[in-house]
Amino acid sequence: MAHHHSFPTCSKAGPTWTGLAAALAATLALGATAGPASAQDAQDAQRAGLLTVTYAQAALADAQRDLARAALSEAEEQVRRGTARFEARIQAGADLAEAERRRSLLAFDIEEVTATGAMPRNDLQAPVVNGRDFVKLRIEANITGAKERLEAAQRMQAIVESQVRNNAVPTMTSAAAALGVSSAQAELAMLAEKLRQRPE
């Protein structure tokens, strides 16, 4: 929707929001000149087009989540057998959490597009839709993801520091692990501030 989470984009192999928006804008322009009934038809067509794209993204996200879940199970089994380090389990867990975050964002997109017939809005001034604050929901989902990434980074850092003390890895590896933690902390702080700025 990695991992710094903004509004998810389409796969390069599929349609893009920019191209779709241009086509839908042309449709709406035609509808606006043809009268109210045609304008409603154009809005319905826009909703259908947006949902087609978003459902396709959701299907891809479902597949990616299934793959991440399988990878986590495999990593756990390898750790139990002693054929993989525990770091592999941490990374696989983080990958699954990210896949689940992306899927939850797409669920919000589908719900918003269905309600509005327009592209989802992520700006802080976007209105609440049918009692649902989609902007806030997305920020909260991203905060959850950032917390999970921070936890994974901290666990990785603890492992690396232990390895450095035992001379199992170069000292510089500790700096890289610390950078991962500080990056996750910065992302979490940014998202918390964004949530604070969202009007009630």
N, C-alpha and C. Protein backbone atom coordinates (compact mmCIF):
# COMPACT_ATOMS: atom_id res chain seq x y z
N MET A 1 0.75 -0.25 0.00
CA MET A 1 0.00 0.00 0.00
C MET A 1 0.96 0.32 0.00
N ALA A 2 6.89 -2.04 2.85
CA ALA A 2 6.88 -1.32 3.04
C ALA A 2 6.07 -0.46 3.36
N HIS A 3 7.46 0.59 3.06
CA HIS A 3 6.41 0.30 3.98
C HIS A 3 5.88 1.57 4.57
N HIS A 4 5.94 2.59 3.95
CA HIS A 4 5.46 3.81 4.57
C HIS A 4 4.20 4.22 3.87
N HIS A 5 3.29 4.29 4.53
CA HIS A 5 2.02 3.86 4.07
C HIS A 5 1.20 5.09 3.92
N SER A 6 1.03 5.13 2.66
CA SER A 6 0.27 6.12 1.97
C SER A 6 -0.87 5.39 1.29
N PHE A 7 -1.56 6.11 0.46
CA PHE A 7 -2.69 5.50 -0.25
C PHE A 7 -2.17 4.46 -1.23
N PRO A 8 -2.71 3.23 -1.19
CA PRO A 8 -2.20 2.16 -2.05
C PRO A 8 -2.41 2.46 -3.52
N THR A 9 -1.49 1.97 -4.34
CA THR A 9 -1.58 2.19 -5.77
C THR A 9 -1.82 0.88 -6.49
N CYS A 10 -2.19 0.99 -7.74
CA CYS A 10 -2.46 -0.21 -8.53
C CYS A 10 -1.16 -0.90 -8.89
N SER A 11 -1.26 -2.15 -9.19
CA SER A 11 -0.14 -2.89 -9.73
C SER A 11 0.24 -2.30 -11.08
N LYS A 12 1.54 -2.33 -11.41
CA LYS A 12 1.97 -1.80 -12.70
C LYS A 12 1.35 -2.56 -13.86
N ALA A 13 0.96 -3.79 -13.59
CA ALA A 13 0.38 -4.59 -14.68
C ALA A 13 -1.07 -4.24 -14.94
N GLY A 14 -1.68 -3.51 -14.04
CA GLY A 14 -3.10 -3.20 -14.18
C GLY A 14 -3.31 -1.74 -14.43
N PRO A 15 -4.58 -1.29 -14.42
CA PRO A 15 -4.88 0.10 -14.65
C PRO A 15 -4.39 0.96 -13.51
N THR A 16 -4.11 2.22 -13.81
CA THR A 16 -3.63 3.14 -12.79
C THR A 16 -4.75 4.08 -12.40
N TRP A 17 -4.65 4.64 -11.17
CA TRP A 17 -5.66 5.61 -10.73
C TRP A 17 -5.66 6.82 -11.66
N THR A 18 -4.47 7.26 -12.14
CA THR A 18 -4.40 8.44 -12.99
C THR A 18 -5.14 8.23 -14.30
N GLY A 19 -4.87 7.09 -14.95
CA GLY A 19 -5.54 6.81 -16.21
C GLY A 19 -7.02 6.62 -16.04
N LEU A 20 -7.40 5.93 -14.98
CA LEU A 20 -8.82 5.72 -14.74
C LEU A 20 -9.52 7.03 -14.44
N ALA A 21 -8.86 7.88 -13.64
CA ALA A 21 -9.47 9.16 -13.29
C ALA A 21 -9.69 10.01 -14.53
N ALA A 22 -8.75 9.98 -15.47
CA ALA A 22 -8.90 10.76 -16.69
C ALA A 22 -10.09 10.28 -17.51
N ALA A 23 -10.22 8.96 -17.63
CA ALA A 23 -11.34 8.41 -18.39
C ALA A 23 -12.67 8.72 -17.72
N LEU A 24 -12.70 8.61 -16.41
CA LEU A 24 -13.94 8.88 -15.71
C LEU A 24 -14.29 10.35 -15.74
N ALA A 25 -13.29 11.20 -15.71
CA ALA A 25 -13.55 12.64 -15.79
C ALA A 25 -14.20 12.99 -17.12
N ALA A 26 -13.73 12.36 -18.19
CA ALA A 26 -14.33 12.60 -19.50
C ALA A 26 -15.77 12.13 -19.53
N THR A 27 -16.03 11.00 -18.90
CA THR A 27 -17.40 10.47 -18.85
C THR A 27 -18.31 11.43 -18.09
N LEU A 28 -17.81 11.94 -16.98
CA LEU A 28 -18.61 12.86 -16.19
C LEU A 28 -18.87 14.16 -16.94
N ALA A 29 -17.89 14.61 -17.70
CA ALA A 29 -18.07 15.84 -18.47
C ALA A 29 -19.18 15.67 -19.50
N LEU A 30 -19.23 14.52 -20.13
CA LEU A 30 -20.30 14.25 -21.09
C LEU A 30 -21.65 14.19 -20.39
N GLY A 31 -21.67 13.56 -19.22
CA GLY A 31 -22.91 13.44 -18.48
C GLY A 31 -23.43 14.78 -18.02
N ALA A 32 -22.54 15.68 -17.66
CA ALA A 32 -22.96 16.98 -17.17
C ALA A 32 -23.65 17.80 -18.24
N THR A 33 -23.31 17.55 -19.50
CA THR A 33 -23.94 18.31 -20.59
C THR A 33 -25.21 17.65 -21.09
N ALA A 34 -25.46 16.42 -20.67
CA ALA A 34 -26.59 15.69 -21.22
C ALA A 34 -27.81 15.70 -20.30
N GLY A 35 -27.67 16.21 -19.08
CA GLY A 35 -28.82 16.31 -18.20
C GLY A 35 -28.66 15.46 -16.97
N PRO A 36 -29.56 15.64 -15.99
CA PRO A 36 -29.46 14.96 -14.70
C PRO A 36 -29.41 13.45 -14.80
N ALA A 37 -30.26 12.85 -15.65
CA ALA A 37 -30.28 11.38 -15.75
C ALA A 37 -28.93 10.87 -16.22
N SER A 38 -28.39 11.52 -17.26
CA SER A 38 -27.09 11.09 -17.77
C SER A 38 -25.99 11.33 -16.75
N ALA A 39 -26.09 12.39 -15.96
CA ALA A 39 -25.10 12.66 -14.92
C ALA A 39 -25.11 11.55 -13.88
N GLN A 40 -26.31 11.08 -13.54
CA GLN A 40 -26.41 9.97 -12.59
C GLN A 40 -25.81 8.71 -13.18
N ASP A 41 -26.08 8.49 -14.47
CA ASP A 41 -25.49 7.33 -15.14
C ASP A 41 -23.97 7.41 -15.11
N ALA A 42 -23.45 8.63 -15.33
CA ALA A 42 -22.00 8.81 -15.34
C ALA A 42 -21.41 8.54 -13.96
N GLN A 43 -22.11 8.98 -12.92
CA GLN A 43 -21.61 8.72 -11.57
C GLN A 43 -21.63 7.23 -11.25
N ASP A 44 -22.70 6.56 -11.69
CA ASP A 44 -22.77 5.11 -11.49
C ASP A 44 -21.64 4.40 -12.23
N ALA A 45 -21.35 4.89 -13.44
CA ALA A 45 -20.26 4.30 -14.22
C ALA A 45 -18.92 4.53 -13.52
N GLN A 46 -18.76 5.73 -12.96
CA GLN A 46 -17.53 6.03 -12.23
C GLN A 46 -17.38 5.10 -11.03
N ARG A 47 -18.47 4.93 -10.29
CA ARG A 47 -18.42 4.04 -9.13
C ARG A 47 -18.03 2.62 -9.57
N ALA A 48 -18.66 2.14 -10.63
CA ALA A 48 -18.39 0.79 -11.11
C ALA A 48 -16.93 0.64 -11.54
N GLY A 49 -16.42 1.66 -12.23
CA GLY A 49 -15.04 1.61 -12.68
C GLY A 49 -14.05 1.60 -11.52
N LEU A 50 -14.30 2.45 -10.56
CA LEU A 50 -13.42 2.51 -9.40
C LEU A 50 -13.46 1.20 -8.61
N LEU A 51 -14.65 0.65 -8.47
CA LEU A 51 -14.78 -0.60 -7.72
C LEU A 51 -14.09 -1.76 -8.45
N THR A 52 -14.16 -1.74 -9.78
CA THR A 52 -13.48 -2.78 -10.54
C THR A 52 -11.98 -2.78 -10.24
N VAL A 53 -11.40 -1.59 -10.25
CA VAL A 53 -9.97 -1.46 -9.97
C VAL A 53 -9.66 -1.87 -8.52
N THR A 54 -10.47 -1.37 -7.59
CA THR A 54 -10.18 -1.61 -6.18
C THR A 54 -10.38 -3.08 -5.81
N TYR A 55 -11.40 -3.71 -6.37
CA TYR A 55 -11.58 -5.13 -6.10
C TYR A 55 -10.42 -5.94 -6.68
N ALA A 56 -9.90 -5.51 -7.82
CA ALA A 56 -8.74 -6.21 -8.40
C ALA A 56 -7.53 -6.06 -7.48
N GLN A 57 -7.34 -4.86 -6.94
CA GLN A 57 -6.25 -4.64 -5.99
C GLN A 57 -6.45 -5.51 -4.74
N ALA A 58 -7.70 -5.60 -4.29
CA ALA A 58 -7.99 -6.39 -3.09
C ALA A 58 -7.70 -7.87 -3.33
N ALA A 59 -8.03 -8.36 -4.53
CA ALA A 59 -7.75 -9.76 -4.85
C ALA A 59 -6.24 -10.03 -4.83
N LEU A 60 -5.48 -9.09 -5.38
CA LEU A 60 -4.02 -9.22 -5.35
C LEU A 60 -3.51 -9.18 -3.91
N ALA A 61 -4.08 -8.28 -3.12
CA ALA A 61 -3.67 -8.17 -1.71
C ALA A 61 -4.01 -9.45 -0.95
N ASP A 62 -5.14 -10.05 -1.27
CA ASP A 62 -5.51 -11.32 -0.64
C ASP A 62 -4.47 -12.40 -0.94
N ALA A 63 -4.05 -12.46 -2.20
CA ALA A 63 -3.06 -13.46 -2.60
C ALA A 63 -1.73 -13.20 -1.89
N GLN A 64 -1.34 -11.93 -1.81
CA GLN A 64 -0.09 -11.58 -1.14
C GLN A 64 -0.15 -11.91 0.35
N ARG A 65 -1.32 -11.69 0.95
CA ARG A 65 -1.49 -12.01 2.37
C ARG A 65 -1.39 -13.52 2.59
N ASP A 66 -1.99 -14.30 1.68
CA ASP A 66 -1.90 -15.76 1.79
C ASP A 66 -0.46 -16.24 1.67
N LEU A 67 0.28 -15.64 0.74
CA LEU A 67 1.69 -16.00 0.58
C LEU A 67 2.49 -15.65 1.83
N ALA A 68 2.21 -14.48 2.40
CA ALA A 68 2.92 -14.04 3.60
C ALA A 68 2.59 -14.95 4.78
N ARG A 69 1.34 -15.39 4.87
CA ARG A 69 0.95 -16.29 5.95
C ARG A 69 1.68 -17.65 5.80
N ALA A 70 1.77 -18.13 4.56
CA ALA A 70 2.47 -19.39 4.32
C ALA A 70 3.96 -19.24 4.62
N ALA A 71 4.53 -18.09 4.26
CA ALA A 71 5.95 -17.85 4.52
C ALA A 71 6.23 -17.81 6.01
N LEU A 72 5.30 -17.25 6.78
CA LEU A 72 5.48 -17.21 8.23
C LEU A 72 5.45 -18.62 8.81
N SER A 73 4.51 -19.44 8.36
CA SER A 73 4.43 -20.82 8.84
C SER A 73 5.71 -21.58 8.51
N GLU A 74 6.22 -21.36 7.31
CA GLU A 74 7.46 -22.04 6.91
C GLU A 74 8.64 -21.57 7.76
N ALA A 75 8.70 -20.25 8.02
CA ALA A 75 9.79 -19.72 8.84
C ALA A 75 9.74 -20.27 10.26
N GLU A 76 8.53 -20.36 10.80
CA GLU A 76 8.38 -20.91 12.15
C GLU A 76 8.85 -22.36 12.20
N GLU A 77 8.51 -23.13 11.18
CA GLU A 77 8.92 -24.53 11.13
C GLU A 77 10.44 -24.64 10.99
N GLN A 78 11.03 -23.80 10.17
CA GLN A 78 12.48 -23.83 9.99
C GLN A 78 13.22 -23.46 11.27
N VAL A 79 12.66 -22.50 12.01
CA VAL A 79 13.28 -22.12 13.28
C VAL A 79 13.20 -23.29 14.27
N ARG A 80 12.05 -23.96 14.30
CA ARG A 80 11.90 -25.11 15.19
C ARG A 80 12.91 -26.22 14.84
N ARG A 81 13.15 -26.39 13.54
CA ARG A 81 14.08 -27.43 13.10
C ARG A 81 15.54 -27.01 13.25
N GLY A 82 15.75 -25.73 13.48
CA GLY A 82 17.11 -25.23 13.60
C GLY A 82 17.77 -24.96 12.27
N THR A 83 16.97 -24.88 11.20
CA THR A 83 17.53 -24.62 9.86
C THR A 83 17.44 -23.15 9.47
N ALA A 84 16.90 -22.32 10.36
CA ALA A 84 16.81 -20.88 10.08
C ALA A 84 16.97 -20.13 11.39
N ARG A 85 17.48 -18.93 11.30
CA ARG A 85 17.63 -18.08 12.48
C ARG A 85 16.28 -17.48 12.86
N PHE A 86 16.17 -17.05 14.11
CA PHE A 86 14.92 -16.48 14.58
C PHE A 86 14.61 -15.17 13.85
N GLU A 87 15.64 -14.51 13.31
CA GLU A 87 15.41 -13.28 12.56
C GLU A 87 14.46 -13.52 11.38
N ALA A 88 14.53 -14.72 10.80
CA ALA A 88 13.65 -15.04 9.68
C ALA A 88 12.21 -15.07 10.13
N ARG A 89 11.96 -15.54 11.34
CA ARG A 89 10.61 -15.55 11.91
C ARG A 89 10.11 -14.13 12.15
N ILE A 90 10.98 -13.27 12.64
CA ILE A 90 10.59 -11.87 12.88
C ILE A 90 10.23 -11.19 11.57
N GLN A 91 11.07 -11.38 10.54
CA GLN A 91 10.83 -10.73 9.25
C GLN A 91 9.55 -11.25 8.61
N ALA A 92 9.32 -12.55 8.69
CA ALA A 92 8.11 -13.13 8.10
C ALA A 92 6.87 -12.60 8.82
N GLY A 93 6.94 -12.43 10.11
CA GLY A 93 5.82 -11.87 10.85
C GLY A 93 5.55 -10.43 10.45
N ALA A 94 6.61 -9.67 10.27
CA ALA A 94 6.46 -8.28 9.84
C ALA A 94 5.86 -8.20 8.44
N ASP A 95 6.28 -9.12 7.56
CA ASP A 95 5.74 -9.13 6.20
C ASP A 95 4.24 -9.45 6.20
N LEU A 96 3.82 -10.36 7.06
CA LEU A 96 2.40 -10.69 7.15
C LEU A 96 1.60 -9.51 7.70
N ALA A 97 2.13 -8.85 8.71
CA ALA A 97 1.44 -7.69 9.26
C ALA A 97 1.27 -6.60 8.22
N GLU A 98 2.29 -6.42 7.38
CA GLU A 98 2.20 -5.41 6.33
C GLU A 98 1.17 -5.80 5.28
N ALA A 99 1.12 -7.07 4.93
CA ALA A 99 0.12 -7.55 3.96
C ALA A 99 -1.29 -7.35 4.50
N GLU A 100 -1.47 -7.59 5.78
CA GLU A 100 -2.79 -7.40 6.39
C GLU A 100 -3.16 -5.92 6.45
N ARG A 101 -2.17 -5.07 6.69
CA ARG A 101 -2.43 -3.62 6.70
C ARG A 101 -2.90 -3.15 5.33
N ARG A 102 -2.20 -3.58 4.29
CA ARG A 102 -2.59 -3.16 2.93
C ARG A 102 -4.01 -3.63 2.61
N ARG A 103 -4.34 -4.84 3.03
CA ARG A 103 -5.68 -5.35 2.74
C ARG A 103 -6.75 -4.56 3.50
N SER A 104 -6.46 -4.17 4.71
CA SER A 104 -7.45 -3.40 5.48
C SER A 104 -7.67 -2.03 4.85
N LEU A 105 -6.62 -1.43 4.31
CA LEU A 105 -6.78 -0.14 3.63
C LEU A 105 -7.67 -0.28 2.40
N LEU A 106 -7.51 -1.35 1.68
CA LEU A 106 -8.33 -1.57 0.49
C LEU A 106 -9.79 -1.82 0.87
N ALA A 107 -10.02 -2.45 2.01
CA ALA A 107 -11.40 -2.64 2.47
C ALA A 107 -12.05 -1.29 2.73
N PHE A 108 -11.30 -0.37 3.31
CA PHE A 108 -11.83 0.98 3.53
C PHE A 108 -12.10 1.67 2.20
N ASP A 109 -11.20 1.48 1.23
CA ASP A 109 -11.40 2.08 -0.10
C ASP A 109 -12.69 1.59 -0.74
N ILE A 110 -12.91 0.28 -0.68
CA ILE A 110 -14.11 -0.30 -1.28
C ILE A 110 -15.36 0.27 -0.62
N GLU A 111 -15.33 0.37 0.68
CA GLU A 111 -16.48 0.90 1.41
C GLU A 111 -16.74 2.37 1.05
N GLU A 112 -15.67 3.15 0.94
CA GLU A 112 -15.84 4.58 0.64
C GLU A 112 -16.30 4.79 -0.80
N VAL A 113 -15.71 4.07 -1.73
CA VAL A 113 -16.12 4.22 -3.14
C VAL A 113 -17.57 3.80 -3.31
N THR A 114 -17.97 2.73 -2.66
CA THR A 114 -19.35 2.29 -2.75
C THR A 114 -20.31 3.36 -2.25
N ALA A 115 -19.92 4.06 -1.19
CA ALA A 115 -20.79 5.08 -0.60
C ALA A 115 -20.81 6.38 -1.39
N THR A 116 -19.65 6.75 -1.96
CA THR A 116 -19.56 8.07 -2.58
C THR A 116 -19.56 8.04 -4.11
N GLY A 117 -19.16 6.94 -4.70
CA GLY A 117 -19.02 6.90 -6.15
C GLY A 117 -17.84 7.70 -6.65
N ALA A 118 -16.94 8.07 -5.74
CA ALA A 118 -15.77 8.88 -6.10
C ALA A 118 -14.52 8.22 -5.55
N MET A 119 -13.36 8.71 -6.00
CA MET A 119 -12.10 8.18 -5.52
C MET A 119 -11.97 8.44 -4.02
N PRO A 120 -11.37 7.51 -3.28
CA PRO A 120 -11.17 7.71 -1.84
C PRO A 120 -10.32 8.94 -1.58
N ARG A 121 -10.63 9.62 -0.48
CA ARG A 121 -9.89 10.82 -0.11
C ARG A 121 -9.08 10.56 1.16
N ASN A 122 -7.84 11.03 1.13
CA ASN A 122 -6.96 10.86 2.28
C ASN A 122 -6.53 12.18 2.89
N ASP A 123 -6.99 13.30 2.33
CA ASP A 123 -6.59 14.58 2.89
C ASP A 123 -7.28 14.80 4.23
N LEU A 124 -6.62 15.54 5.09
CA LEU A 124 -7.10 15.71 6.46
C LEU A 124 -8.43 16.45 6.54
N GLN A 125 -8.80 17.18 5.50
CA GLN A 125 -10.05 17.93 5.50
C GLN A 125 -11.19 17.17 4.83
N ALA A 126 -10.96 15.95 4.43
CA ALA A 126 -12.01 15.16 3.77
C ALA A 126 -13.18 14.94 4.73
N PRO A 127 -14.40 14.98 4.23
CA PRO A 127 -15.57 14.82 5.11
C PRO A 127 -15.76 13.38 5.57
N VAL A 128 -16.48 13.24 6.66
CA VAL A 128 -16.91 11.93 7.13
C VAL A 128 -17.99 11.43 6.17
N VAL A 129 -17.99 10.14 5.86
CA VAL A 129 -18.93 9.56 4.89
C VAL A 129 -19.87 8.60 5.60
N ASN A 130 -21.13 8.95 5.63
CA ASN A 130 -22.13 8.08 6.28
C ASN A 130 -21.72 7.67 7.69
N GLY A 131 -21.17 8.64 8.42
CA GLY A 131 -20.75 8.38 9.78
C GLY A 131 -19.42 7.67 9.92
N ARG A 132 -18.76 7.40 8.81
CA ARG A 132 -17.47 6.69 8.83
C ARG A 132 -16.34 7.65 8.48
N ASP A 133 -15.38 7.79 9.37
CA ASP A 133 -14.23 8.66 9.14
C ASP A 133 -13.11 7.81 8.52
N PHE A 134 -13.15 7.72 7.19
CA PHE A 134 -12.20 6.85 6.51
C PHE A 134 -10.76 7.36 6.62
N VAL A 135 -10.59 8.66 6.67
CA VAL A 135 -9.24 9.22 6.83
C VAL A 135 -8.66 8.76 8.16
N LYS A 136 -9.44 8.89 9.21
CA LYS A 136 -8.98 8.48 10.54
C LYS A 136 -8.75 6.97 10.60
N LEU A 137 -9.64 6.20 9.98
CA LEU A 137 -9.48 4.75 9.99
C LEU A 137 -8.18 4.33 9.30
N ARG A 138 -7.86 5.01 8.20
CA ARG A 138 -6.62 4.67 7.48
C ARG A 138 -5.40 5.05 8.31
N ILE A 139 -5.45 6.21 8.94
CA ILE A 139 -4.32 6.63 9.77
C ILE A 139 -4.12 5.63 10.90
N GLU A 140 -5.21 5.22 11.53
CA GLU A 140 -5.12 4.28 12.64
C GLU A 140 -4.56 2.93 12.18
N ALA A 141 -4.97 2.49 10.98
CA ALA A 141 -4.42 1.24 10.44
C ALA A 141 -2.93 1.37 10.19
N ASN A 142 -2.51 2.53 9.70
CA ASN A 142 -1.10 2.76 9.45
C ASN A 142 -0.31 2.86 10.75
N ILE A 143 -0.94 3.41 11.79
CA ILE A 143 -0.28 3.47 13.09
C ILE A 143 -0.06 2.06 13.64
N THR A 144 -1.08 1.21 13.50
CA THR A 144 -0.93 -0.17 13.94
C THR A 144 0.22 -0.84 13.20
N GLY A 145 0.29 -0.62 11.89
CA GLY A 145 1.39 -1.19 11.11
C GLY A 145 2.74 -0.65 11.54
N ALA A 146 2.80 0.65 11.83
CA ALA A 146 4.07 1.26 12.26
C ALA A 146 4.51 0.70 13.61
N LYS A 147 3.56 0.47 14.52
CA LYS A 147 3.90 -0.11 15.82
C LYS A 147 4.46 -1.52 15.65
N GLU A 148 3.88 -2.27 14.73
CA GLU A 148 4.36 -3.63 14.50
C GLU A 148 5.75 -3.62 13.88
N ARG A 149 6.00 -2.66 12.98
CA ARG A 149 7.33 -2.55 12.39
C ARG A 149 8.35 -2.13 13.44
N LEU A 150 7.95 -1.23 14.34
CA LEU A 150 8.86 -0.80 15.39
C LEU A 150 9.21 -1.97 16.31
N GLU A 151 8.20 -2.75 16.67
CA GLU A 151 8.44 -3.90 17.53
C GLU A 151 9.39 -4.89 16.86
N ALA A 152 9.17 -5.14 15.57
CA ALA A 152 10.05 -6.06 14.84
C ALA A 152 11.48 -5.51 14.78
N ALA A 153 11.59 -4.20 14.54
CA ALA A 153 12.92 -3.58 14.45
C ALA A 153 13.64 -3.65 15.79
N GLN A 154 12.92 -3.47 16.88
CA GLN A 154 13.53 -3.54 18.21
C GLN A 154 13.98 -4.96 18.53
N ARG A 155 13.19 -5.94 18.11
CA ARG A 155 13.58 -7.33 18.35
C ARG A 155 14.82 -7.68 17.52
N MET A 156 14.84 -7.20 16.29
CA MET A 156 16.02 -7.41 15.45
C MET A 156 17.25 -6.75 16.07
N GLN A 157 17.06 -5.54 16.58
CA GLN A 157 18.19 -4.82 17.19
C GLN A 157 18.74 -5.58 18.38
N ALA A 158 17.86 -6.13 19.21
CA ALA A 158 18.32 -6.89 20.38
C ALA A 158 19.14 -8.11 19.95
N ILE A 159 18.69 -8.79 18.89
CA ILE A 159 19.42 -9.96 18.40
C ILE A 159 20.79 -9.55 17.86
N VAL A 160 20.80 -8.47 17.07
CA VAL A 160 22.06 -8.01 16.48
C VAL A 160 23.05 -7.59 17.55
N GLU A 161 22.57 -6.86 18.55
CA GLU A 161 23.47 -6.42 19.61
C GLU A 161 24.07 -7.61 20.35
N SER A 162 23.27 -8.66 20.54
CA SER A 162 23.79 -9.87 21.17
C SER A 162 24.85 -10.52 20.28
N GLN A 163 24.60 -10.53 18.99
CA GLN A 163 25.56 -11.11 18.06
C GLN A 163 26.86 -10.30 18.01
N VAL A 164 26.73 -8.98 18.10
CA VAL A 164 27.93 -8.13 18.11
C VAL A 164 28.76 -8.41 19.36
N ARG A 165 28.08 -8.53 20.51
CA ARG A 165 28.81 -8.82 21.76
C ARG A 165 29.54 -10.14 21.69
N ASN A 166 28.98 -11.08 20.94
CA ASN A 166 29.60 -12.40 20.80
C ASN A 166 30.54 -12.47 19.59
N ASN A 167 30.77 -11.31 18.97
CA ASN A 167 31.65 -11.24 17.79
C ASN A 167 31.17 -12.12 16.65
N ALA A 168 29.85 -12.29 16.56
CA ALA A 168 29.28 -13.12 15.49
C ALA A 168 29.04 -12.32 14.22
N VAL A 169 28.89 -11.00 14.35
CA VAL A 169 28.66 -10.13 13.21
C VAL A 169 29.50 -8.87 13.41
N PRO A 170 29.80 -8.14 12.32
CA PRO A 170 30.59 -6.91 12.45
C PRO A 170 29.88 -5.86 13.31
N THR A 171 30.66 -5.01 13.96
CA THR A 171 30.10 -3.96 14.82
C THR A 171 29.17 -3.04 14.05
N MET A 172 29.48 -2.77 12.78
CA MET A 172 28.67 -1.85 11.98
C MET A 172 27.24 -2.36 11.82
N THR A 173 27.03 -3.66 11.97
CA THR A 173 25.69 -4.22 11.85
C THR A 173 24.76 -3.63 12.91
N SER A 174 25.31 -3.30 14.07
CA SER A 174 24.53 -2.72 15.15
C SER A 174 23.98 -1.35 14.75
N ALA A 175 24.77 -0.58 14.01
CA ALA A 175 24.33 0.74 13.57
C ALA A 175 23.16 0.62 12.60
N ALA A 176 23.21 -0.35 11.72
CA ALA A 176 22.13 -0.57 10.76
C ALA A 176 20.84 -0.95 11.49
N ALA A 177 20.96 -1.78 12.52
CA ALA A 177 19.78 -2.18 13.28
C ALA A 177 19.20 -1.00 14.03
N ALA A 178 20.07 -0.16 14.57
CA ALA A 178 19.60 1.03 15.29
C ALA A 178 18.89 1.99 14.34
N LEU A 179 19.38 2.07 13.11
CA LEU A 179 18.73 2.93 12.12
C LEU A 179 17.33 2.43 11.81
N GLY A 180 17.16 1.12 11.75
CA GLY A 180 15.83 0.57 11.52
C GLY A 180 14.86 0.95 12.62
N VAL A 181 15.33 0.94 13.85
CA VAL A 181 14.48 1.33 14.98
C VAL A 181 14.13 2.80 14.91
N SER A 182 15.12 3.66 14.66
CA SER A 182 14.86 5.10 14.63
C SER A 182 13.93 5.47 13.47
N SER A 183 14.05 4.77 12.35
CA SER A 183 13.17 5.03 11.21
C SER A 183 11.72 4.68 11.56
N ALA A 184 11.54 3.54 12.22
CA ALA A 184 10.19 3.13 12.62
C ALA A 184 9.61 4.09 13.65
N GLN A 185 10.44 4.57 14.56
CA GLN A 185 9.98 5.54 15.57
C GLN A 185 9.55 6.84 14.91
N ALA A 186 10.33 7.29 13.92
CA ALA A 186 9.99 8.53 13.22
C ALA A 186 8.68 8.40 12.46
N GLU A 187 8.48 7.26 11.82
CA GLU A 187 7.24 7.04 11.09
C GLU A 187 6.05 7.04 12.04
N LEU A 188 6.20 6.40 13.17
CA LEU A 188 5.11 6.34 14.15
C LEU A 188 4.78 7.73 14.68
N ALA A 189 5.79 8.53 14.95
CA ALA A 189 5.57 9.89 15.43
C ALA A 189 4.86 10.74 14.38
N MET A 190 5.25 10.58 13.12
CA MET A 190 4.61 11.32 12.03
C MET A 190 3.13 10.98 11.91
N LEU A 191 2.82 9.69 12.01
CA LEU A 191 1.43 9.26 11.90
C LEU A 191 0.60 9.72 13.10
N ALA A 192 1.20 9.70 14.29
CA ALA A 192 0.49 10.17 15.48
C ALA A 192 0.16 11.65 15.35
N GLU A 193 1.08 12.42 14.80
CA GLU A 193 0.82 13.85 14.59
C GLU A 193 -0.27 14.06 13.54
N LYS A 194 -0.25 13.26 12.50
CA LYS A 194 -1.27 13.35 11.47
C LYS A 194 -2.64 13.03 12.06
N LEU A 195 -2.73 12.04 12.91
CA LEU A 195 -4.00 11.71 13.56
C LEU A 195 -4.46 12.85 14.46
N ARG A 196 -3.51 13.48 15.14
CA ARG A 196 -3.86 14.60 16.02
C ARG A 196 -4.44 15.77 15.23
N GLN A 197 -3.94 15.95 14.00
CA GLN A 197 -4.39 17.06 13.19
C GLN A 197 -5.74 16.80 12.50
N ARG A 198 -6.18 15.56 12.50
CA ARG A 198 -7.47 15.25 11.86
C ARG A 198 -8.59 15.88 12.66
N PRO A 199 -9.39 16.74 12.04
CA PRO A 199 -10.49 17.38 12.75
C PRO A 199 -11.47 16.36 13.30
N GLU A 200 -11.99 16.62 14.48
CA GLU A 200 -12.97 15.73 15.09
C GLU A 200 -14.32 15.89 14.39
